[in-house]
């Protein structure tokens, strides 16, 4: 697979830190992001605390390719960063996702190890995406499509994809995936 064809890799890490160390934890997380930004293929980073007073922190970082992620993970900078948190941070879970497989994996139970599966076969994933995309696309074309029929195809497509992508991402695909979970797991 060429670099252009390689799927991006997102790593999700759950860490624990005492709630009274939240300011230190925030600074530590930002320092790690600043270090990772200097590595080729780094696409972004985010973190959220499970709740006020919680000891659980969820972090995501994304690289363009698996080999670029591996370079960050093997780096002296990352080793230094992880060592700097000894005594205040405990890593409890790490997951890696590529492509759209993350849509189809069932969430692990609390305290359970991360699943080792990569999701159902691609033909099932494609079927689920189509089951969500067809009615949304049909509705959009029946409503917005009429109002934009005179537009050039480029602008019409741009508008529809800008409207439909968040609808598919946040509403339709999660709902269709939940509804078809038994079939996806067979």
Foldseek 3Di string as FASTA:
>chain_A
DDLVPAWKKKKKWKKFFQLVCVVVVVVLQVQLQVVLVPFAFWDDKDKDAPDRRGRIIMIMTMGSHPVSVVCSVPDPSVVVSVVVCPPGMDIQAMDMATDPQVLQDDDDDVSDYDDPDSFFDVVVVVVLLCVQPVVLVVVCCVPVVVVCVVPPPVVSVVVSCVVVVVCCVPPRSNVSSVVCNVVRVD
